[in-house]
Amino acid sequence: MAEKLWQGRFDQPTNKLVEEYTASIHYDSRLYRYDIEGSIAHCRMLAECGIISHDEASRIVEGLGEILRDIERGRITLDSVHEDIHMAVETELIARIGETGGKLHTARSRNDQVALDMRLYTRDVLSQCRSLLRDVQAALLEMAEKHIEVLMPGFTHLQHAQPVLFSHHLMAYFEMFTRDRERFGDCFRRMNVMPLGSAALAGTTLPTDMEWTARYLKFPKVVANSMDAVSDRDYMIEFCSASAILMMHVSRMAEELILWSSPEFAFVEISDAFCTGSSIMPQKKNPDVPELMRGKSGRVFGNLVGLLTLTKGLPLTYNRDLQEDKEAVFDTADTVTVTLRLLSKLLPQITVNRERMAAMAGRGFTLATDMADYLVRKGVPFRKAHHIVGQVVQYCIKHGKELVDCTLDEFKTFHKAFDTDVFPYLEISTVIDRRTSVGGTATSRVKEAIALARTRLDAPENETNPNPNAEK
């Protein structure tokens, strides 16, 4: 059993079961690059401040670089022998360059070290999520432009409500994902604060320069309070919250794709590349990818609740409970990124059944509101117009008709204001293009929305990405 770097205070070795129970190396090993990046920055700062010599710093930095390369080449095994990634790197460094390696941990604690590692990790993940969301939005725009003439029924309560453009429906999701990108950007700005130098909780007596480290690591500012720095997990909770809202949006879209691809709707067909079959029923084509997107939203919701529950009763400052924060963040990041990658590839390969959508757009008396608007234009109060058209609908149901099947004489039995100019109000394309209110489904409005959305997506990267230093 290897001696711990903190063993000096203890007379007895750690119980084997305790070692296994408290180890986090099996999941925090993914932080190795951030841990080494932060350690190099810290080491250079120590040298700049005269706390260690530049020669010592050079040896430490060189050793850390070798460790990074060996980890990436698979020459170093990160396993349960090590307590966590921080101890693994430091132990390996001391083994390679001797006691000089022990100077690396001067003026820092694992508390502020892990806080830095997770902020560096989250910074990259947030930028990646924003980029992947942009890909999904680009795919939605392509679909909206391609299908600008496609009509469909709009729904409330999953009942036919009013006809809309399919593109208008797609652009609703574009707006949802825009808010998701903004939430990730907001989270990024609050998270992008440098905590290293806060040490265990109270700062350090040594003459360090946190601003120097922040500039080196491209953080715009440093933490304002060392106790908050080592105990703060708000940015993780906020990331999981933004991810949960995003996955809720994805799940809503997935649900519609599942419904629309059923024979009962027959609005769309999902590409075979994103479906699976049945082990017993040869005819089956199952929308498994959207179903899993819908299902995986639950695990992201659970990660958010888990983090909130984990932190709700913790006194300041660091408590070992906080070791449990990382798996929720890692799992959320993995789930969100792979989901967005799949969604951006699935959308362009959807086949739209234009004829079926158009045929259903007028079913279920979806033009009833337009007929009421017609009467309003004739001077009938809306509440009375609503009642009159309701009676017309009831008449049609009893006689097995749609509104378009009625004659003018039939309409006039319900109100004298009906005239021949009512029939344009029963033409779906005409009705849709009358809805020119801001954000409406009129073709002109939807084209404007698409053009504006394209401009927003094509804006310079530094205007849309809060991390201009992120890898492209």
Protein backbone atom coordinates (compact mmCIF):
# COMPACT_ATOMS: atom_id res chain seq x y z
CA MET A 1 0.00 0.00 0.00
CA ALA A 2 1.64 3.22 -1.15
CA GLU A 3 2.21 5.92 1.47
CA LYS A 4 -0.03 8.94 1.00
CA LEU A 5 1.42 12.39 0.47
CA TRP A 6 -0.55 13.50 3.52
CA GLN A 7 0.43 10.51 5.71
CA GLY A 8 2.58 12.48 8.20
CA ARG A 9 -0.31 13.15 10.60
CA PHE A 10 -1.35 9.49 10.83
CA ASP A 11 0.04 6.55 12.79
CA GLN A 12 -1.89 3.84 10.95
CA PRO A 13 -2.24 3.15 7.24
CA THR A 14 -5.62 3.70 5.63
CA ASN A 15 -7.95 0.73 5.72
CA LYS A 16 -8.10 -0.97 2.32
CA LEU A 17 -11.88 -0.66 2.17
CA VAL A 18 -11.64 3.04 3.02
CA GLU A 19 -9.15 3.50 0.19
CA GLU A 20 -11.56 1.92 -2.26
CA TYR A 21 -14.54 3.83 -0.86
CA THR A 22 -12.90 7.25 -1.00
CA ALA A 23 -11.02 6.87 -4.30
CA SER A 24 -12.22 8.99 -7.21
CA ILE A 25 -9.48 8.21 -9.74
CA HIS A 26 -11.80 5.95 -11.73
CA TYR A 27 -13.82 8.95 -12.86
CA ASP A 28 -11.78 12.08 -12.18
CA SER A 29 -8.90 10.73 -14.27
CA ARG A 30 -10.55 12.49 -17.21
CA LEU A 31 -9.35 15.74 -15.63
CA TYR A 32 -5.67 14.90 -16.15
CA ARG A 33 -5.09 17.49 -18.87
CA TYR A 34 -6.74 20.26 -16.84
CA ASP A 35 -4.91 19.22 -13.70
CA ILE A 36 -1.56 19.39 -15.46
CA GLU A 37 -2.45 22.63 -17.23
CA GLY A 38 -3.34 24.23 -13.89
CA SER A 39 -0.23 22.82 -12.23
CA ILE A 40 2.02 24.28 -14.92
CA ALA A 41 0.38 27.68 -14.47
CA HIS A 42 0.76 27.47 -10.69
CA CYS A 43 4.40 26.41 -10.98
CA ARG A 44 5.28 29.28 -13.30
CA MET A 45 3.53 31.72 -10.97
CA LEU A 46 5.55 30.43 -8.00
CA ALA A 47 8.73 31.08 -9.97
CA GLU A 48 7.59 34.54 -11.07
CA CYS A 49 6.95 35.41 -7.43
CA GLY A 50 10.33 34.07 -6.28
CA ILE A 51 8.78 31.34 -4.13
CA ILE A 52 10.66 28.66 -6.08
CA SER A 53 13.57 29.12 -8.47
CA HIS A 54 13.13 29.30 -12.23
CA ASP A 55 15.39 26.25 -12.53
CA GLU A 56 13.09 24.29 -10.21
CA ALA A 57 10.09 25.51 -12.14
CA SER A 58 11.64 24.37 -15.42
CA ARG A 59 12.26 20.89 -14.03
CA ILE A 60 8.69 20.67 -12.71
CA VAL A 61 7.13 21.93 -15.94
CA GLU A 62 9.24 19.55 -18.01
CA GLY A 63 8.24 16.66 -15.76
CA LEU A 64 4.56 17.58 -16.00
CA GLY A 65 4.84 17.73 -19.79
CA GLU A 66 6.32 14.25 -19.88
CA ILE A 67 3.57 12.92 -17.62
CA LEU A 68 0.92 14.46 -19.88
CA ARG A 69 2.43 12.84 -22.96
CA ASP A 70 2.79 9.46 -21.22
CA ILE A 71 -0.84 9.51 -20.02
CA GLU A 72 -2.06 10.28 -23.52
CA ARG A 73 0.11 7.50 -24.96
CA GLY A 74 -1.23 5.01 -22.41
CA ARG A 75 2.13 4.59 -20.66
CA ILE A 76 0.74 5.58 -17.28
CA THR A 77 -2.14 3.62 -15.81
CA LEU A 78 -4.49 5.69 -13.71
CA ASP A 79 -6.20 3.20 -11.43
CA SER A 80 -7.28 2.63 -7.82
CA VAL A 81 -3.66 2.64 -6.64
CA HIS A 82 -4.00 6.43 -6.79
CA GLU A 83 -6.50 8.27 -4.59
CA ASP A 84 -7.41 10.84 -7.24
CA ILE A 85 -5.99 12.45 -10.35
CA HIS A 86 -4.30 15.21 -8.35
CA MET A 87 -2.38 12.78 -6.16
CA ALA A 88 -1.63 10.57 -9.15
CA VAL A 89 0.06 13.39 -11.06
CA GLU A 90 1.96 14.71 -8.05
CA THR A 91 3.14 11.26 -6.98
CA GLU A 92 4.35 10.52 -10.49
CA LEU A 93 6.13 13.88 -10.65
CA ILE A 94 8.00 13.30 -7.39
CA ALA A 95 8.94 9.80 -8.55
CA ARG A 96 10.45 11.29 -11.71
CA ILE A 97 12.26 14.43 -10.52
CA GLY A 98 12.66 13.84 -6.79
CA GLU A 99 11.98 16.24 -3.93
CA THR A 100 11.74 19.23 -6.25
CA GLY A 101 8.40 17.82 -7.36
CA GLY A 102 7.14 18.27 -3.82
CA LYS A 103 7.45 22.04 -4.22
CA LEU A 104 4.65 22.12 -6.78
CA HIS A 105 1.97 22.01 -4.10
CA THR A 106 3.32 25.10 -2.37
CA ALA A 107 0.59 27.68 -1.67
CA ARG A 108 -2.27 25.54 -2.91
CA SER A 109 -4.59 22.82 -1.65
CA ARG A 110 -6.44 20.05 -3.38
CA ASN A 111 -9.52 22.13 -2.56
CA ASP A 112 -8.62 25.04 -4.83
CA GLN A 113 -6.85 22.66 -7.24
CA VAL A 114 -9.99 20.65 -7.96
CA ALA A 115 -12.02 23.87 -8.12
CA LEU A 116 -9.70 25.06 -10.88
CA ASP A 117 -9.72 21.72 -12.72
CA MET A 118 -13.51 21.62 -12.80
CA ARG A 119 -13.78 25.21 -13.99
CA LEU A 120 -11.31 24.52 -16.80
CA TYR A 121 -13.25 21.37 -17.71
CA THR A 122 -16.64 23.08 -17.53
CA ARG A 123 -15.34 25.99 -19.61
CA ASP A 124 -14.52 23.63 -22.46
CA VAL A 125 -17.76 21.68 -22.11
CA LEU A 126 -19.88 24.84 -22.21
CA SER A 127 -18.15 26.00 -25.38
CA GLN A 128 -18.61 22.56 -26.92
CA CYS A 129 -22.31 22.50 -26.05
CA ARG A 130 -22.84 25.93 -27.61
CA SER A 131 -21.05 24.83 -30.77
CA LEU A 132 -23.09 21.62 -31.02
CA LEU A 133 -26.30 23.55 -30.41
CA ARG A 134 -25.37 25.81 -33.28
CA ASP A 135 -25.09 22.72 -35.50
CA VAL A 136 -28.58 21.62 -34.47
CA GLN A 137 -29.93 25.09 -35.17
CA ALA A 138 -28.25 25.14 -38.58
CA ALA A 139 -29.94 21.82 -39.41
CA LEU A 140 -33.31 23.25 -38.33
CA LEU A 141 -32.80 26.29 -40.55
CA GLU A 142 -31.99 24.08 -43.52
CA MET A 143 -35.20 22.11 -42.93
CA ALA A 144 -37.24 25.28 -42.51
CA GLU A 145 -35.90 26.80 -45.74
CA LYS A 146 -36.38 23.56 -47.66
CA HIS A 147 -39.99 23.08 -46.52
CA ILE A 148 -41.21 26.67 -46.46
CA GLU A 149 -44.38 25.83 -48.43
CA VAL A 150 -45.38 22.78 -46.34
CA LEU A 151 -48.64 23.16 -44.41
CA MET A 152 -49.54 21.26 -41.26
CA PRO A 153 -52.04 21.37 -38.43
CA GLY A 154 -50.92 23.23 -35.34
CA PHE A 155 -51.94 21.56 -32.10
CA THR A 156 -53.11 22.48 -28.64
CA HIS A 157 -53.93 19.67 -26.21
CA LEU A 158 -52.71 17.41 -29.05
CA GLN A 159 -55.92 18.33 -30.87
CA HIS A 160 -56.05 20.08 -34.24
CA ALA A 161 -56.09 23.81 -33.49
CA GLN A 162 -55.06 26.05 -36.41
CA PRO A 163 -53.09 25.49 -39.62
CA VAL A 164 -49.45 26.60 -39.60
CA LEU A 165 -46.38 26.31 -41.77
CA PHE A 166 -44.19 23.34 -40.94
CA SER A 167 -41.28 25.77 -41.06
CA HIS A 168 -42.97 27.88 -38.40
CA HIS A 169 -43.15 24.82 -36.18
CA LEU A 170 -39.46 24.09 -36.73
CA MET A 171 -38.51 27.68 -35.94
CA ALA A 172 -40.19 27.36 -32.56
CA TYR A 173 -37.49 24.85 -31.67
CA PHE A 174 -34.85 27.17 -33.09
CA GLU A 175 -35.95 29.76 -30.54
CA MET A 176 -35.85 27.22 -27.71
CA PHE A 177 -32.30 26.25 -28.63
CA THR A 178 -31.33 29.91 -28.88
CA ARG A 179 -32.33 30.35 -25.25
CA ASP A 180 -30.34 27.22 -24.40
CA ARG A 181 -27.23 28.66 -26.04
CA GLU A 182 -27.75 31.88 -24.12
CA ARG A 183 -28.09 29.99 -20.85
CA PHE A 184 -24.82 28.15 -21.49
CA GLY A 185 -23.21 31.50 -22.30
CA ASP A 186 -24.54 33.06 -19.09
CA CYS A 187 -23.26 30.10 -17.11
CA PHE A 188 -19.88 30.48 -18.80
CA ARG A 189 -19.53 34.11 -17.77
CA ARG A 190 -20.31 33.39 -14.12
CA MET A 191 -18.13 30.27 -14.05
CA ASN A 192 -15.09 31.86 -15.73
CA VAL A 193 -13.39 32.96 -12.51
CA MET A 194 -9.98 31.74 -11.32
CA PRO A 195 -9.99 30.08 -7.84
CA LEU A 196 -6.40 28.79 -7.62
CA GLY A 197 -4.54 30.47 -4.78
CA SER A 198 -7.43 30.28 -2.35
CA ALA A 199 -5.63 27.25 -0.86
CA ALA A 200 -7.63 25.16 1.60
CA LEU A 201 -10.12 27.92 2.46
CA ALA A 202 -8.39 31.00 3.87
CA GLY A 203 -5.81 31.94 1.25
CA THR A 204 -2.05 31.69 1.79
CA THR A 205 0.62 33.57 3.69
CA LEU A 206 3.05 33.23 0.78
CA PRO A 207 3.44 36.14 -1.70
CA THR A 208 1.54 34.60 -4.61
CA ASP A 209 0.02 36.42 -7.58
CA MET A 210 -3.41 35.06 -8.46
CA GLU A 211 -3.89 37.66 -11.18
CA TRP A 212 -0.77 36.35 -12.93
CA THR A 213 -2.19 32.80 -12.86
CA ALA A 214 -5.54 34.07 -14.11
CA ARG A 215 -3.92 35.81 -17.08
CA TYR A 216 -1.89 32.70 -17.89
CA LEU A 217 -5.02 30.51 -17.87
CA LYS A 218 -7.11 33.17 -19.67
CA PHE A 219 -9.52 33.85 -16.84
CA PRO A 220 -10.82 37.44 -16.90
CA LYS A 221 -10.87 37.70 -13.09
CA VAL A 222 -10.11 35.92 -9.83
CA VAL A 223 -12.43 34.88 -7.02
CA ALA A 224 -13.47 37.51 -4.49
CA ASN A 225 -13.65 35.18 -1.47
CA SER A 226 -11.41 32.19 -0.78
CA MET A 227 -14.04 30.36 1.28
CA ASP A 228 -16.60 30.67 -1.51
CA ALA A 229 -13.96 29.64 -4.06
CA VAL A 230 -13.36 26.18 -2.60
CA SER A 231 -16.98 25.43 -1.70
CA ASP A 232 -18.79 26.94 -4.70
CA ARG A 233 -20.53 24.43 -6.93
CA ASP A 234 -23.08 26.86 -8.34
CA TYR A 235 -21.56 26.74 -11.81
CA MET A 236 -21.89 22.94 -11.89
CA ILE A 237 -25.50 23.16 -10.77
CA GLU A 238 -26.13 25.90 -13.31
CA PHE A 239 -24.55 23.81 -16.07
CA CYS A 240 -26.74 20.85 -15.13
CA SER A 241 -29.78 23.13 -14.92
CA ALA A 242 -29.15 24.59 -18.39
CA SER A 243 -28.55 21.06 -19.66
CA ALA A 244 -31.79 19.81 -18.10
CA ILE A 245 -33.77 22.58 -19.83
CA LEU A 246 -32.00 21.79 -23.10
CA MET A 247 -32.77 18.08 -22.77
CA MET A 248 -36.40 18.95 -22.01
CA HIS A 249 -36.50 20.78 -25.34
CA VAL A 250 -34.82 17.88 -27.11
CA SER A 251 -37.27 15.48 -25.48
CA ARG A 252 -40.25 17.52 -26.71
CA MET A 253 -38.88 17.43 -30.24
CA ALA A 254 -38.15 13.71 -29.91
CA GLU A 255 -41.71 13.08 -28.75
CA GLU A 256 -43.08 14.84 -31.82
CA LEU A 257 -40.81 12.91 -34.14
CA ILE A 258 -42.00 9.69 -32.53
CA LEU A 259 -45.65 10.67 -32.96
CA TRP A 260 -45.20 12.07 -36.45
CA SER A 261 -43.44 8.93 -37.69
CA SER A 262 -46.29 6.68 -36.52
CA PRO A 263 -48.81 5.41 -39.11
CA GLU A 264 -51.54 7.37 -37.34
CA PHE A 265 -49.78 10.67 -38.12
CA ALA A 266 -47.54 9.68 -41.06
CA PHE A 267 -46.12 13.20 -41.21
CA VAL A 268 -42.46 12.19 -41.43
CA GLU A 269 -40.20 9.21 -41.90
CA ILE A 270 -36.99 8.94 -39.91
CA SER A 271 -34.01 7.58 -41.82
CA ASP A 272 -33.22 3.89 -41.39
CA ALA A 273 -29.80 4.97 -40.13
CA PHE A 274 -31.43 6.31 -36.97
CA CYS A 275 -33.93 3.50 -36.33
CA THR A 276 -33.77 -0.12 -35.24
CA GLY A 277 -35.88 -3.23 -35.79
CA SER A 278 -37.60 -5.79 -33.64
CA SER A 279 -36.15 -9.14 -32.62
CA ILE A 280 -39.52 -10.82 -33.21
CA MET A 281 -41.62 -8.60 -35.51
CA PRO A 282 -40.03 -8.36 -38.98
CA GLN A 283 -42.05 -5.36 -40.08
CA LYS A 284 -41.00 -3.05 -37.25
CA LYS A 285 -39.03 0.17 -37.70
CA ASN A 286 -38.62 1.68 -34.28
CA PRO A 287 -37.64 5.33 -33.63
CA ASP A 288 -35.14 4.27 -30.98
CA VAL A 289 -32.88 7.31 -31.23
CA PRO A 290 -35.63 9.85 -30.47
CA GLU A 291 -36.94 7.50 -27.78
CA LEU A 292 -33.53 7.40 -26.12
CA MET A 293 -33.23 11.17 -26.40
CA ARG A 294 -36.56 11.39 -24.61
CA GLY A 295 -35.41 8.85 -22.04
CA LYS A 296 -31.97 10.33 -21.42
CA SER A 297 -33.53 13.63 -20.45
CA GLY A 298 -34.53 11.87 -17.23
CA ARG A 299 -30.96 11.06 -16.23
CA VAL A 300 -29.91 14.68 -16.83
CA PHE A 301 -32.82 15.87 -14.67
CA GLY A 302 -31.65 13.39 -12.04
CA ASN A 303 -28.10 14.73 -12.13
CA LEU A 304 -29.40 18.22 -11.42
CA VAL A 305 -31.52 17.04 -8.50
CA GLY A 306 -28.57 15.00 -7.22
CA LEU A 307 -26.27 18.03 -7.17
CA LEU A 308 -28.87 20.20 -5.46
CA THR A 309 -29.43 17.51 -2.84
CA LEU A 310 -25.68 17.02 -2.39
CA THR A 311 -25.00 20.68 -1.65
CA LYS A 312 -28.16 21.80 0.16
CA GLY A 313 -26.95 21.02 3.70
CA LEU A 314 -23.19 21.58 3.48
CA PRO A 315 -21.59 24.04 5.89
CA LEU A 316 -18.68 26.13 4.65
CA THR A 317 -16.22 25.31 3.31
CA TYR A 318 -14.98 22.12 1.65
CA ASN A 319 -16.56 18.81 2.67
CA ARG A 320 -15.71 15.42 1.21
CA ASP A 321 -19.30 15.12 0.05
CA LEU A 322 -18.26 17.39 -2.81
CA GLN A 323 -16.25 14.56 -4.31
CA GLU A 324 -19.62 13.29 -5.50
CA ASP A 325 -20.21 16.34 -7.69
CA LYS A 326 -18.10 15.28 -10.66
CA GLU A 327 -19.91 12.19 -11.89
CA ALA A 328 -23.15 14.15 -12.26
CA VAL A 329 -21.36 16.81 -14.30
CA PHE A 330 -19.42 14.31 -16.40
CA ASP A 331 -22.50 12.23 -17.14
CA THR A 332 -24.51 15.32 -18.03
CA ALA A 333 -21.77 16.57 -20.34
CA ASP A 334 -21.44 13.17 -22.05
CA THR A 335 -25.20 12.78 -22.47
CA VAL A 336 -25.80 16.28 -23.81
CA THR A 337 -22.90 16.33 -26.26
CA VAL A 338 -23.66 12.95 -27.85
CA THR A 339 -27.38 13.79 -28.00
CA LEU A 340 -26.72 17.06 -29.81
CA ARG A 341 -24.31 15.38 -32.24
CA LEU A 342 -26.93 12.78 -33.10
CA LEU A 343 -29.74 15.31 -33.41
CA SER A 344 -27.78 17.49 -35.84
CA LYS A 345 -27.25 14.42 -38.06
CA LEU A 346 -30.76 12.98 -37.68
CA LEU A 347 -32.69 16.11 -38.68
CA PRO A 348 -31.33 16.49 -42.24
CA GLN A 349 -32.26 12.89 -43.04
CA ILE A 350 -35.92 13.17 -42.12
CA THR A 351 -38.35 12.72 -45.02
CA VAL A 352 -41.40 14.99 -44.83
CA ASN A 353 -44.77 13.76 -46.13
CA ARG A 354 -45.97 17.07 -47.57
CA GLU A 355 -49.24 15.71 -48.96
CA ARG A 356 -50.28 14.08 -45.71
CA MET A 357 -49.46 17.18 -43.67
CA ALA A 358 -51.35 19.45 -46.04
CA ALA A 359 -54.36 17.12 -46.07
CA MET A 360 -54.50 17.15 -42.28
CA ALA A 361 -53.93 20.90 -41.94
CA GLY A 362 -57.59 21.68 -42.55
CA ARG A 363 -59.07 18.71 -40.73
CA GLY A 364 -60.67 19.05 -37.33
CA PHE A 365 -62.21 22.47 -38.09
CA THR A 366 -58.84 24.24 -37.83
CA LEU A 367 -60.29 27.23 -39.73
CA ALA A 368 -63.00 27.91 -37.15
CA THR A 369 -61.11 30.81 -35.57
CA ASP A 370 -60.64 32.40 -38.99
CA MET A 371 -64.36 32.16 -39.63
CA ALA A 372 -64.96 33.91 -36.29
CA ASP A 373 -62.46 36.61 -37.33
CA TYR A 374 -64.44 37.00 -40.57
CA LEU A 375 -67.59 37.75 -38.58
CA VAL A 376 -65.67 40.20 -36.39
CA ARG A 377 -64.66 42.08 -39.52
CA LYS A 378 -68.39 42.23 -40.33
CA GLY A 379 -69.02 43.98 -37.00
CA VAL A 380 -70.08 40.97 -34.94
CA PRO A 381 -68.69 41.02 -31.35
CA PHE A 382 -66.05 38.31 -30.97
CA ARG A 383 -67.86 36.45 -28.19
CA LYS A 384 -70.99 36.25 -30.34
CA ALA A 385 -68.95 35.27 -33.39
CA HIS A 386 -67.29 32.55 -31.31
CA HIS A 387 -70.72 31.16 -30.37
CA ILE A 388 -72.03 31.30 -33.94
CA VAL A 389 -69.07 29.44 -35.38
CA GLY A 390 -69.33 26.90 -32.57
CA GLN A 391 -72.87 26.22 -33.75
CA VAL A 392 -71.65 25.87 -37.34
CA VAL A 393 -69.04 23.33 -36.19
CA GLN A 394 -71.69 21.38 -34.28
CA TYR A 395 -73.86 21.36 -37.42
CA CYS A 396 -70.96 20.05 -39.50
CA ILE A 397 -70.20 17.29 -37.01
CA LYS A 398 -73.82 16.13 -37.07
CA HIS A 399 -73.86 16.10 -40.87
CA GLY A 400 -70.38 14.65 -41.41
CA LYS A 401 -69.00 17.78 -43.05
CA GLU A 402 -65.96 20.05 -42.82
CA LEU A 403 -66.39 23.81 -42.91
CA VAL A 404 -65.28 23.95 -46.54
CA ASP A 405 -68.12 21.60 -47.49
CA CYS A 406 -70.84 24.03 -46.41
CA THR A 407 -72.74 26.26 -48.84
CA LEU A 408 -73.40 29.94 -48.35
CA ASP A 409 -77.08 29.21 -47.71
CA GLU A 410 -76.11 26.89 -44.88
CA PHE A 411 -73.86 29.57 -43.36
CA LYS A 412 -76.60 32.16 -43.60
CA THR A 413 -78.90 30.05 -41.46
CA PHE A 414 -76.53 30.87 -38.59
CA HIS A 415 -76.01 34.59 -39.27
CA LYS A 416 -76.95 37.02 -42.00
CA ALA A 417 -73.43 38.54 -42.04
CA PHE A 418 -72.09 35.55 -43.96
CA ASP A 419 -71.54 36.31 -47.64
CA THR A 420 -69.52 34.97 -50.58
CA ASP A 421 -66.36 36.63 -49.23
CA VAL A 422 -66.31 34.07 -46.40
CA PHE A 423 -64.85 31.39 -48.65
CA PRO A 424 -61.31 32.86 -48.86
CA TYR A 425 -61.29 32.46 -45.07
CA LEU A 426 -61.66 28.74 -45.64
CA GLU A 427 -58.60 28.45 -47.89
CA ILE A 428 -55.67 27.27 -45.77
CA SER A 429 -52.83 28.97 -47.63
CA THR A 430 -54.74 32.25 -47.68
CA VAL A 431 -55.54 31.97 -44.00
CA ILE A 432 -51.93 31.23 -43.08
CA ASP A 433 -50.61 34.22 -44.98
CA ARG A 434 -53.09 36.50 -43.20
CA ARG A 435 -51.34 35.77 -39.90
CA THR A 436 -48.81 38.55 -40.31
CA SER A 437 -48.57 39.55 -36.65
CA VAL A 438 -45.05 39.56 -35.23
CA GLY A 439 -43.92 35.97 -34.80
CA GLY A 440 -46.90 34.71 -36.79
CA THR A 441 -47.06 31.82 -39.24
CA ALA A 442 -47.52 33.88 -42.42
CA THR A 443 -45.01 32.87 -45.07
CA SER A 444 -43.56 36.40 -45.13
CA ARG A 445 -43.06 36.35 -41.36
CA VAL A 446 -41.49 32.90 -41.34
CA LYS A 447 -39.09 33.88 -44.12
CA GLU A 448 -38.13 36.94 -42.10
CA ALA A 449 -37.57 34.77 -39.04
CA ILE A 450 -35.38 32.37 -41.01
CA ALA A 451 -33.32 35.22 -42.48
CA LEU A 452 -32.82 36.78 -39.05
CA ALA A 453 -31.91 33.43 -37.55
CA ARG A 454 -29.37 32.87 -40.31
CA THR A 455 -27.80 36.25 -39.53
CA ARG A 456 -27.58 35.35 -35.85
CA LEU A 457 -25.94 32.01 -36.57
CA ASP A 458 -23.49 33.53 -39.04
CA ALA A 459 -22.36 36.22 -36.58
CA PRO A 460 -18.60 36.28 -35.86
CA GLU A 461 -17.56 33.55 -33.44
CA ASN A 462 -16.33 35.99 -30.81
CA GLU A 463 -19.82 37.49 -30.62
CA THR A 464 -21.56 34.18 -30.05
CA ASN A 465 -18.92 32.17 -28.20
CA PRO A 466 -18.05 33.45 -24.72
CA ASN A 467 -14.79 31.47 -24.83
CA PRO A 468 -12.75 32.72 -27.82
CA ASN A 469 -9.84 30.58 -26.61
CA ALA A 470 -11.77 27.32 -26.93
CA GLU A 471 -10.59 24.84 -29.51
CA LYS A 472 -12.52 25.12 -32.76
